[in-house]
């Protein structure tokens, strides 16, 4: 096994934990959508996935994470309360995309390595 394949395998084995982490953070955020620190933490998790997943051959996960990352980044950058939607509306809008991301992480964690 070459070094890249070893790294990809290690990443693959980390996906169930990444799914659990995002799922837990998402639940905390859904319980307290106005808590900015929870949005920041979810953004950091998703941002890391949007960059690392494609680097290890998991393009579909990166493609699911990227729009969530962008939406959270845009929301966190915008301090204008007249323009920014409420955090509860943001969380509601992200429900489908985050659930799809967690499902993809779960499925990928159960699979073999993607071709590389």
N, C-alpha and C. Protein backbone atom coordinates (compact mmCIF):
# COMPACT_ATOMS: atom_id res chain seq x y z
N UNK A 1 0.86 -1.18 0.00
CA UNK A 1 0.00 0.00 0.00
C UNK A 1 0.90 1.23 0.00
N UNK A 2 0.64 2.13 -0.96
CA UNK A 2 1.45 3.35 -1.00
C UNK A 2 0.95 4.35 0.04
N UNK A 3 1.72 5.40 0.23
CA UNK A 3 1.45 6.39 1.27
C UNK A 3 0.09 7.08 1.06
N UNK A 4 -0.22 7.46 -0.19
CA UNK A 4 -1.48 8.12 -0.47
C UNK A 4 -2.66 7.20 -0.16
N UNK A 5 -2.56 5.96 -0.55
CA UNK A 5 -3.63 5.01 -0.27
C UNK A 5 -3.80 4.82 1.24
N UNK A 6 -2.69 4.80 1.95
CA UNK A 6 -2.75 4.68 3.41
C UNK A 6 -3.46 5.89 4.03
N UNK A 7 -3.14 7.08 3.54
CA UNK A 7 -3.79 8.29 4.04
C UNK A 7 -5.28 8.28 3.72
N UNK A 8 -5.63 7.85 2.53
CA UNK A 8 -7.04 7.79 2.14
C UNK A 8 -7.79 6.77 2.99
N UNK A 9 -7.16 5.67 3.30
CA UNK A 9 -7.78 4.66 4.15
C UNK A 9 -7.99 5.20 5.56
N UNK A 10 -7.02 5.91 6.07
CA UNK A 10 -7.15 6.53 7.39
C UNK A 10 -8.30 7.55 7.39
N UNK A 11 -8.39 8.32 6.32
CA UNK A 11 -9.49 9.29 6.21
C UNK A 11 -10.84 8.56 6.15
N UNK A 12 -10.90 7.51 5.36
CA UNK A 12 -12.13 6.71 5.27
C UNK A 12 -12.57 6.23 6.64
N UNK A 13 -11.63 5.73 7.42
CA UNK A 13 -11.95 5.22 8.75
C UNK A 13 -12.35 6.33 9.72
N UNK A 14 -12.00 7.58 9.39
CA UNK A 14 -12.39 8.70 10.26
C UNK A 14 -13.80 9.21 9.96
N UNK A 15 -14.38 8.79 8.85
CA UNK A 15 -15.67 9.33 8.44
C UNK A 15 -16.81 9.04 9.42
N UNK A 16 -16.89 7.85 10.01
CA UNK A 16 -17.96 7.66 11.00
C UNK A 16 -17.87 8.65 12.18
N UNK A 17 -16.67 8.95 12.62
CA UNK A 17 -16.52 9.92 13.71
C UNK A 17 -16.87 11.32 13.24
N UNK A 18 -16.48 11.66 12.02
CA UNK A 18 -16.84 12.96 11.47
C UNK A 18 -18.37 13.09 11.37
N UNK A 19 -19.03 12.01 10.94
CA UNK A 19 -20.50 12.01 10.86
C UNK A 19 -21.10 12.22 12.24
N UNK A 20 -20.58 11.52 13.23
CA UNK A 20 -21.09 11.65 14.60
C UNK A 20 -20.87 13.06 15.12
N UNK A 21 -19.72 13.64 14.83
CA UNK A 21 -19.41 15.00 15.29
C UNK A 21 -20.35 16.03 14.68
N UNK A 22 -20.55 15.94 13.36
CA UNK A 22 -21.44 16.89 12.69
C UNK A 22 -22.87 16.68 13.19
N UNK A 23 -23.28 15.43 13.31
CA UNK A 23 -24.63 15.13 13.79
C UNK A 23 -24.86 15.73 15.19
N UNK A 24 -23.90 15.55 16.09
CA UNK A 24 -24.03 16.07 17.46
C UNK A 24 -24.05 17.59 17.46
N UNK A 25 -23.19 18.21 16.67
CA UNK A 25 -23.16 19.67 16.60
C UNK A 25 -24.45 20.20 16.01
N UNK A 26 -24.95 19.53 14.99
CA UNK A 26 -26.19 19.94 14.36
C UNK A 26 -27.35 19.87 15.36
N UNK A 27 -27.38 18.81 16.17
CA UNK A 27 -28.44 18.69 17.16
C UNK A 27 -28.35 19.82 18.20
N UNK A 28 -27.15 20.11 18.65
CA UNK A 28 -26.97 21.22 19.60
C UNK A 28 -27.46 22.54 18.99
N UNK A 29 -27.12 22.75 17.72
CA UNK A 29 -27.53 23.98 17.03
C UNK A 29 -29.05 24.03 16.86
N UNK A 30 -29.65 22.91 16.54
CA UNK A 30 -31.11 22.89 16.39
C UNK A 30 -31.80 23.17 17.72
N UNK A 31 -31.20 22.76 18.81
CA UNK A 31 -31.76 23.03 20.13
C UNK A 31 -31.59 24.49 20.55
N UNK A 32 -30.49 25.12 20.08
CA UNK A 32 -30.19 26.51 20.46
C UNK A 32 -29.70 27.28 19.23
N UNK A 33 -30.59 27.53 18.26
CA UNK A 33 -30.16 28.13 17.00
C UNK A 33 -29.61 29.55 17.11
N UNK A 34 -29.92 30.24 18.18
CA UNK A 34 -29.42 31.62 18.32
C UNK A 34 -28.04 31.69 18.96
N UNK A 35 -27.46 30.56 19.29
CA UNK A 35 -26.14 30.57 19.92
C UNK A 35 -25.06 30.58 18.84
N UNK A 36 -24.48 31.75 18.64
CA UNK A 36 -23.51 31.96 17.56
C UNK A 36 -22.32 30.99 17.63
N UNK A 37 -21.84 30.67 18.81
CA UNK A 37 -20.69 29.78 18.94
C UNK A 37 -20.99 28.41 18.33
N UNK A 38 -22.22 27.97 18.41
CA UNK A 38 -22.59 26.68 17.82
C UNK A 38 -22.56 26.76 16.29
N UNK A 39 -22.98 27.89 15.74
CA UNK A 39 -22.88 28.10 14.30
C UNK A 39 -21.42 28.13 13.85
N UNK A 40 -20.59 28.78 14.64
CA UNK A 40 -19.17 28.87 14.31
C UNK A 40 -18.55 27.47 14.31
N UNK A 41 -18.86 26.67 15.30
CA UNK A 41 -18.29 25.31 15.37
C UNK A 41 -18.78 24.45 14.21
N UNK A 42 -20.06 24.51 13.88
CA UNK A 42 -20.56 23.75 12.73
C UNK A 42 -19.86 24.22 11.46
N UNK A 43 -19.70 25.52 11.33
CA UNK A 43 -19.02 26.05 10.15
C UNK A 43 -17.60 25.49 10.05
N UNK A 44 -16.87 25.45 11.15
CA UNK A 44 -15.50 24.92 11.13
C UNK A 44 -15.49 23.45 10.72
N UNK A 45 -16.41 22.67 11.25
CA UNK A 45 -16.46 21.25 10.89
C UNK A 45 -16.74 21.08 9.39
N UNK A 46 -17.74 21.80 8.91
CA UNK A 46 -18.13 21.67 7.51
C UNK A 46 -17.05 22.23 6.59
N UNK A 47 -16.41 23.31 7.00
CA UNK A 47 -15.33 23.90 6.20
C UNK A 47 -14.19 22.90 6.03
N UNK A 48 -13.82 22.24 7.11
CA UNK A 48 -12.75 21.22 7.01
C UNK A 48 -13.16 20.10 6.06
N UNK A 49 -14.40 19.66 6.15
CA UNK A 49 -14.87 18.60 5.26
C UNK A 49 -14.88 19.04 3.80
N UNK A 50 -15.28 20.27 3.55
CA UNK A 50 -15.36 20.74 2.16
C UNK A 50 -14.00 20.76 1.49
N UNK A 51 -12.95 20.94 2.28
CA UNK A 51 -11.60 20.92 1.71
C UNK A 51 -10.94 19.57 1.75
N UNK A 52 -11.08 18.86 2.87
CA UNK A 52 -10.36 17.60 3.02
C UNK A 52 -10.99 16.44 2.25
N UNK A 53 -12.30 16.37 2.21
CA UNK A 53 -12.95 15.22 1.56
C UNK A 53 -12.51 15.06 0.09
N UNK A 54 -12.58 16.12 -0.72
CA UNK A 54 -12.14 15.96 -2.10
C UNK A 54 -10.64 15.62 -2.21
N UNK A 55 -9.85 16.13 -1.29
CA UNK A 55 -8.41 15.85 -1.34
C UNK A 55 -8.12 14.36 -1.16
N UNK A 56 -9.01 13.66 -0.48
CA UNK A 56 -8.84 12.22 -0.24
C UNK A 56 -9.72 11.38 -1.15
N UNK A 57 -10.32 11.99 -2.15
CA UNK A 57 -11.09 11.23 -3.13
C UNK A 57 -12.58 11.15 -2.84
N UNK A 58 -13.07 11.90 -1.89
CA UNK A 58 -14.49 11.88 -1.55
C UNK A 58 -15.15 13.17 -2.05
N UNK A 59 -15.18 13.29 -3.39
CA UNK A 59 -15.69 14.50 -4.02
C UNK A 59 -17.15 14.76 -3.67
N UNK A 60 -17.96 13.72 -3.57
CA UNK A 60 -19.39 13.90 -3.28
C UNK A 60 -19.59 14.54 -1.91
N UNK A 61 -18.79 14.13 -0.95
CA UNK A 61 -18.89 14.73 0.39
C UNK A 61 -18.49 16.20 0.34
N UNK A 62 -17.41 16.48 -0.37
CA UNK A 62 -16.99 17.88 -0.53
C UNK A 62 -18.06 18.71 -1.21
N UNK A 63 -18.71 18.12 -2.22
CA UNK A 63 -19.76 18.85 -2.94
C UNK A 63 -20.97 19.13 -2.06
N UNK A 64 -21.27 18.24 -1.12
CA UNK A 64 -22.36 18.47 -0.19
C UNK A 64 -21.97 19.50 0.88
N UNK A 65 -20.72 19.45 1.32
CA UNK A 65 -20.26 20.34 2.38
C UNK A 65 -20.06 21.77 1.91
N UNK A 66 -19.62 21.94 0.67
CA UNK A 66 -19.24 23.26 0.16
C UNK A 66 -20.36 24.30 0.26
N UNK A 67 -21.59 24.02 -0.20
CA UNK A 67 -22.62 25.06 -0.09
C UNK A 67 -23.02 25.37 1.36
N UNK A 68 -22.94 24.39 2.23
CA UNK A 68 -23.21 24.64 3.65
C UNK A 68 -22.12 25.55 4.20
N UNK A 69 -20.89 25.23 3.88
CA UNK A 69 -19.75 26.05 4.29
C UNK A 69 -19.93 27.49 3.82
N UNK A 70 -20.26 27.65 2.54
CA UNK A 70 -20.42 29.00 1.99
C UNK A 70 -21.57 29.75 2.64
N UNK A 71 -22.67 29.06 2.86
CA UNK A 71 -23.84 29.72 3.47
C UNK A 71 -23.54 30.16 4.90
N UNK A 72 -22.88 29.28 5.67
CA UNK A 72 -22.52 29.64 7.05
C UNK A 72 -21.50 30.76 7.07
N UNK A 73 -20.51 30.70 6.20
CA UNK A 73 -19.49 31.75 6.16
C UNK A 73 -20.12 33.10 5.83
N UNK A 74 -21.00 33.11 4.86
CA UNK A 74 -21.68 34.35 4.48
C UNK A 74 -22.51 34.89 5.65
N UNK A 75 -23.23 34.02 6.31
CA UNK A 75 -24.06 34.44 7.44
C UNK A 75 -23.20 34.99 8.58
N UNK A 76 -22.11 34.31 8.88
CA UNK A 76 -21.24 34.74 9.98
C UNK A 76 -20.53 36.06 9.67
N UNK A 77 -20.23 36.30 8.40
CA UNK A 77 -19.56 37.56 8.00
C UNK A 77 -20.50 38.75 8.05
N UNK A 78 -21.77 38.53 7.82
CA UNK A 78 -22.72 39.62 7.71
C UNK A 78 -23.24 40.02 9.09
N UNK A 79 -22.87 41.19 9.53
CA UNK A 79 -23.30 41.67 10.85
C UNK A 79 -24.51 42.60 10.77
N UNK A 80 -25.01 42.86 9.58
CA UNK A 80 -26.13 43.77 9.43
C UNK A 80 -27.44 43.05 9.76
N UNK A 81 -28.05 43.37 10.89
CA UNK A 81 -29.27 42.65 11.29
C UNK A 81 -30.44 42.88 10.34
N UNK A 82 -30.39 43.94 9.56
CA UNK A 82 -31.47 44.22 8.61
C UNK A 82 -31.41 43.29 7.40
N UNK A 83 -30.21 42.84 7.07
CA UNK A 83 -30.01 41.99 5.89
C UNK A 83 -29.95 40.52 6.29
N UNK A 84 -29.26 40.23 7.36
CA UNK A 84 -29.05 38.84 7.76
C UNK A 84 -30.35 38.21 8.23
N UNK A 85 -30.63 37.02 7.74
CA UNK A 85 -31.83 36.32 8.20
C UNK A 85 -31.59 35.85 9.63
N UNK A 86 -32.64 35.57 10.34
CA UNK A 86 -32.52 35.09 11.71
C UNK A 86 -31.81 33.74 11.72
N UNK A 87 -31.11 33.49 12.79
CA UNK A 87 -30.40 32.21 12.93
C UNK A 87 -31.36 31.04 12.84
N UNK A 88 -32.54 31.18 13.37
CA UNK A 88 -33.51 30.09 13.30
C UNK A 88 -33.90 29.80 11.85
N UNK A 89 -34.02 30.84 11.04
CA UNK A 89 -34.32 30.64 9.62
C UNK A 89 -33.15 29.99 8.90
N UNK A 90 -31.94 30.38 9.25
CA UNK A 90 -30.76 29.77 8.66
C UNK A 90 -30.70 28.29 8.99
N UNK A 91 -30.91 27.96 10.24
CA UNK A 91 -30.89 26.56 10.66
C UNK A 91 -31.97 25.77 9.93
N UNK A 92 -33.15 26.34 9.80
CA UNK A 92 -34.22 25.66 9.06
C UNK A 92 -33.83 25.44 7.60
N UNK A 93 -33.21 26.44 7.00
CA UNK A 93 -32.81 26.34 5.59
C UNK A 93 -31.70 25.31 5.38
N UNK A 94 -30.89 25.10 6.39
CA UNK A 94 -29.77 24.15 6.26
C UNK A 94 -30.13 22.72 6.65
N UNK A 95 -31.34 22.49 7.15
CA UNK A 95 -31.71 21.17 7.64
C UNK A 95 -31.51 20.08 6.59
N UNK A 96 -32.04 20.28 5.40
CA UNK A 96 -31.91 19.28 4.35
C UNK A 96 -30.45 19.06 3.94
N UNK A 97 -29.71 20.13 3.64
CA UNK A 97 -28.32 19.96 3.24
C UNK A 97 -27.45 19.29 4.33
N UNK A 98 -27.65 19.66 5.59
CA UNK A 98 -26.83 19.05 6.65
C UNK A 98 -27.20 17.59 6.82
N UNK A 99 -28.49 17.27 6.76
CA UNK A 99 -28.89 15.86 6.85
C UNK A 99 -28.30 15.04 5.71
N UNK A 100 -28.29 15.61 4.50
CA UNK A 100 -27.70 14.92 3.35
C UNK A 100 -26.20 14.70 3.54
N UNK A 101 -25.53 15.69 4.10
CA UNK A 101 -24.10 15.56 4.36
C UNK A 101 -23.82 14.46 5.37
N UNK A 102 -24.57 14.44 6.46
CA UNK A 102 -24.37 13.41 7.49
C UNK A 102 -24.66 12.02 6.90
N UNK A 103 -25.72 11.90 6.10
CA UNK A 103 -26.02 10.61 5.46
C UNK A 103 -24.88 10.17 4.55
N UNK A 104 -24.32 11.11 3.79
CA UNK A 104 -23.20 10.78 2.90
C UNK A 104 -21.97 10.34 3.69
N UNK A 105 -21.72 11.01 4.80
CA UNK A 105 -20.59 10.62 5.66
C UNK A 105 -20.80 9.21 6.21
N UNK A 106 -22.02 8.93 6.65
CA UNK A 106 -22.33 7.59 7.15
C UNK A 106 -22.13 6.53 6.07
N UNK A 107 -22.67 6.78 4.89
CA UNK A 107 -22.55 5.82 3.79
C UNK A 107 -21.11 5.62 3.36
N UNK A 108 -20.35 6.71 3.26
CA UNK A 108 -18.95 6.60 2.84
C UNK A 108 -18.14 5.85 3.87
N UNK A 109 -18.44 6.06 5.13
CA UNK A 109 -17.71 5.38 6.20
C UNK A 109 -17.94 3.88 6.19
N UNK A 110 -19.03 3.45 5.57
CA UNK A 110 -19.34 2.02 5.48
C UNK A 110 -18.81 1.40 4.19
N UNK A 111 -18.24 2.22 3.31
CA UNK A 111 -17.83 1.73 2.00
C UNK A 111 -16.34 1.45 1.93
N UNK A 112 -15.95 1.07 0.76
CA UNK A 112 -14.52 0.89 0.45
C UNK A 112 -13.95 2.23 0.01
N UNK A 113 -12.65 2.24 -0.18
CA UNK A 113 -12.00 3.44 -0.68
C UNK A 113 -12.50 3.79 -2.06
N UNK A 114 -12.69 5.08 -2.35
CA UNK A 114 -13.03 5.49 -3.70
C UNK A 114 -11.83 5.24 -4.62
N UNK A 115 -12.08 5.11 -5.92
CA UNK A 115 -10.94 4.90 -6.82
C UNK A 115 -10.01 6.10 -6.76
N UNK A 116 -8.77 5.84 -6.86
CA UNK A 116 -7.87 6.97 -6.76
C UNK A 116 -6.65 6.74 -7.51
